[in-house]
């Protein structure tokens, strides 16, 4: 499953940002089900902490 960590209302291109945590398949399944309702459009992105990004960039050749 997924856990909703935070919800923010925004001004600009997007009306809302929802931060969720969970495995990739559960998150995509939830997103597809919500989008299938037809009244929202979404965009997804991955976010990393500073330490996570340090570990990722350390793997670069």
N, C-alpha and C. Protein backbone atom coordinates (compact mmCIF):
# COMPACT_ATOMS: atom_id res chain seq x y z
N UNK A 1 0.80 -1.18 0.00
CA UNK A 1 0.00 0.00 0.00
C UNK A 1 0.84 1.25 0.00
N UNK A 2 0.17 2.35 0.08
CA UNK A 2 0.84 3.65 0.14
C UNK A 2 0.37 4.42 1.37
N UNK A 3 1.18 5.34 1.81
CA UNK A 3 0.86 6.20 2.94
C UNK A 3 0.95 7.65 2.48
N UNK A 4 -0.10 8.42 2.73
CA UNK A 4 -0.07 9.85 2.41
C UNK A 4 0.71 10.54 3.53
N UNK A 5 1.82 11.18 3.15
CA UNK A 5 2.68 11.85 4.13
C UNK A 5 2.31 13.31 4.31
N UNK A 6 1.88 13.98 3.23
CA UNK A 6 1.55 15.41 3.32
C UNK A 6 0.70 15.81 2.13
N UNK A 7 -0.12 16.82 2.34
CA UNK A 7 -0.94 17.40 1.27
C UNK A 7 -0.77 18.92 1.36
N UNK A 8 -0.43 19.53 0.23
CA UNK A 8 -0.26 20.98 0.17
C UNK A 8 -1.11 21.53 -0.97
N UNK A 9 -1.85 22.60 -0.73
CA UNK A 9 -2.53 23.33 -1.79
C UNK A 9 -1.54 24.35 -2.32
N UNK A 10 -1.49 24.49 -3.64
CA UNK A 10 -0.49 25.36 -4.25
C UNK A 10 -1.15 26.37 -5.18
N UNK A 11 -0.41 27.41 -5.49
CA UNK A 11 -0.86 28.44 -6.42
C UNK A 11 0.08 28.37 -7.62
N UNK A 12 -0.47 28.30 -8.80
CA UNK A 12 0.36 28.23 -10.00
C UNK A 12 -0.12 27.13 -10.92
N UNK A 13 0.81 26.47 -11.59
CA UNK A 13 0.48 25.44 -12.58
C UNK A 13 -0.30 24.29 -11.96
N UNK A 14 0.01 23.93 -10.73
CA UNK A 14 -0.64 22.80 -10.07
C UNK A 14 -1.47 23.30 -8.90
N UNK A 15 -2.59 22.64 -8.65
CA UNK A 15 -3.48 23.03 -7.56
C UNK A 15 -3.10 22.39 -6.23
N UNK A 16 -2.41 21.26 -6.30
CA UNK A 16 -2.15 20.51 -5.09
C UNK A 16 -0.90 19.65 -5.28
N UNK A 17 -0.16 19.45 -4.19
CA UNK A 17 0.94 18.50 -4.15
C UNK A 17 0.62 17.52 -3.03
N UNK A 18 0.65 16.24 -3.37
CA UNK A 18 0.41 15.18 -2.38
C UNK A 18 1.68 14.35 -2.32
N UNK A 19 2.24 14.21 -1.14
CA UNK A 19 3.45 13.42 -0.96
C UNK A 19 3.04 12.08 -0.37
N UNK A 20 3.36 11.02 -1.11
CA UNK A 20 3.02 9.66 -0.67
C UNK A 20 4.29 8.84 -0.58
N UNK A 21 4.21 7.79 0.23
CA UNK A 21 5.33 6.88 0.38
C UNK A 21 4.80 5.47 0.21
N UNK A 22 5.51 4.65 -0.52
CA UNK A 22 5.10 3.27 -0.72
C UNK A 22 5.92 2.64 -1.82
N UNK A 23 5.64 1.37 -2.09
CA UNK A 23 6.39 0.73 -3.17
C UNK A 23 5.87 1.22 -4.51
N UNK A 24 6.70 1.11 -5.53
CA UNK A 24 6.38 1.67 -6.84
C UNK A 24 5.08 1.11 -7.42
N UNK A 25 4.86 -0.19 -7.33
CA UNK A 25 3.67 -0.80 -7.92
C UNK A 25 2.40 -0.33 -7.23
N UNK A 26 2.41 -0.25 -5.91
CA UNK A 26 1.23 0.22 -5.19
C UNK A 26 0.94 1.68 -5.51
N UNK A 27 1.98 2.48 -5.61
CA UNK A 27 1.79 3.90 -5.92
C UNK A 27 1.21 4.08 -7.31
N UNK A 28 1.73 3.35 -8.29
CA UNK A 28 1.22 3.46 -9.66
C UNK A 28 -0.21 2.96 -9.74
N UNK A 29 -0.53 1.85 -9.07
CA UNK A 29 -1.89 1.32 -9.09
C UNK A 29 -2.87 2.34 -8.51
N UNK A 30 -2.50 2.98 -7.41
CA UNK A 30 -3.35 3.99 -6.79
C UNK A 30 -3.52 5.18 -7.72
N UNK A 31 -2.45 5.61 -8.35
CA UNK A 31 -2.50 6.73 -9.28
C UNK A 31 -3.39 6.42 -10.48
N UNK A 32 -3.25 5.23 -11.04
CA UNK A 32 -4.08 4.83 -12.18
C UNK A 32 -5.56 4.80 -11.80
N UNK A 33 -5.87 4.27 -10.63
CA UNK A 33 -7.26 4.20 -10.18
C UNK A 33 -7.85 5.60 -9.99
N UNK A 34 -7.07 6.50 -9.42
CA UNK A 34 -7.54 7.87 -9.21
C UNK A 34 -7.72 8.59 -10.54
N UNK A 35 -6.76 8.43 -11.44
CA UNK A 35 -6.87 9.08 -12.76
C UNK A 35 -8.03 8.53 -13.56
N UNK A 36 -8.38 7.27 -13.37
CA UNK A 36 -9.48 6.65 -14.11
C UNK A 36 -10.82 7.30 -13.79
N UNK A 37 -10.92 8.00 -12.67
CA UNK A 37 -12.16 8.69 -12.32
C UNK A 37 -12.44 9.83 -13.30
N UNK A 38 -11.39 10.33 -13.94
CA UNK A 38 -11.54 11.32 -15.00
C UNK A 38 -11.60 12.77 -14.57
N UNK A 39 -11.56 13.04 -13.28
CA UNK A 39 -11.68 14.44 -12.85
C UNK A 39 -10.36 15.06 -12.39
N UNK A 40 -9.27 14.32 -12.48
CA UNK A 40 -7.97 14.89 -12.14
C UNK A 40 -6.94 14.45 -13.17
N UNK A 41 -5.88 15.21 -13.25
CA UNK A 41 -4.69 14.83 -14.01
C UNK A 41 -3.52 14.91 -13.04
N UNK A 42 -2.56 14.07 -13.24
CA UNK A 42 -1.45 14.06 -12.28
C UNK A 42 -0.11 14.02 -12.99
N UNK A 43 0.90 14.35 -12.24
CA UNK A 43 2.28 14.25 -12.68
C UNK A 43 3.05 13.67 -11.50
N UNK A 44 3.90 12.72 -11.77
CA UNK A 44 4.66 12.10 -10.68
C UNK A 44 6.13 12.46 -10.79
N UNK A 45 6.81 12.40 -9.66
CA UNK A 45 8.26 12.59 -9.63
C UNK A 45 8.81 11.89 -8.41
N UNK A 46 10.06 11.53 -8.50
CA UNK A 46 10.76 10.95 -7.36
C UNK A 46 11.53 12.07 -6.67
N UNK A 47 11.61 11.98 -5.36
CA UNK A 47 12.36 12.97 -4.58
C UNK A 47 13.33 12.22 -3.67
N UNK A 48 14.49 12.80 -3.46
CA UNK A 48 15.52 12.17 -2.65
C UNK A 48 16.03 13.15 -1.60
N UNK A 49 16.39 12.62 -0.45
CA UNK A 49 17.04 13.45 0.57
C UNK A 49 18.46 13.75 0.10
N UNK A 50 19.11 14.68 0.77
CA UNK A 50 20.50 15.01 0.44
C UNK A 50 21.38 13.76 0.56
N UNK A 51 21.21 13.00 1.64
CA UNK A 51 22.02 11.80 1.84
C UNK A 51 21.75 10.75 0.77
N UNK A 52 20.49 10.56 0.40
CA UNK A 52 20.18 9.61 -0.67
C UNK A 52 20.84 10.02 -1.98
N UNK A 53 20.81 11.31 -2.30
CA UNK A 53 21.42 11.77 -3.54
C UNK A 53 22.93 11.63 -3.49
N UNK A 54 23.54 11.82 -2.32
CA UNK A 54 24.99 11.60 -2.20
C UNK A 54 25.33 10.15 -2.52
N UNK A 55 24.53 9.21 -2.02
CA UNK A 55 24.75 7.80 -2.30
C UNK A 55 24.58 7.49 -3.78
N UNK A 56 23.59 8.10 -4.40
CA UNK A 56 23.34 7.88 -5.83
C UNK A 56 24.49 8.43 -6.66
N UNK A 57 24.90 9.67 -6.37
CA UNK A 57 25.97 10.27 -7.17
C UNK A 57 27.32 9.59 -6.91
N UNK A 58 27.49 8.97 -5.76
CA UNK A 58 28.72 8.23 -5.48
C UNK A 58 28.87 7.02 -6.40
N UNK A 59 27.78 6.54 -6.97
CA UNK A 59 27.82 5.40 -7.88
C UNK A 59 28.18 5.80 -9.31
N UNK A 60 28.27 7.09 -9.57
CA UNK A 60 28.60 7.55 -10.92
C UNK A 60 30.04 7.20 -11.25
N UNK A 61 30.28 6.82 -12.51
CA UNK A 61 31.66 6.48 -12.90
C UNK A 61 32.56 7.70 -12.94
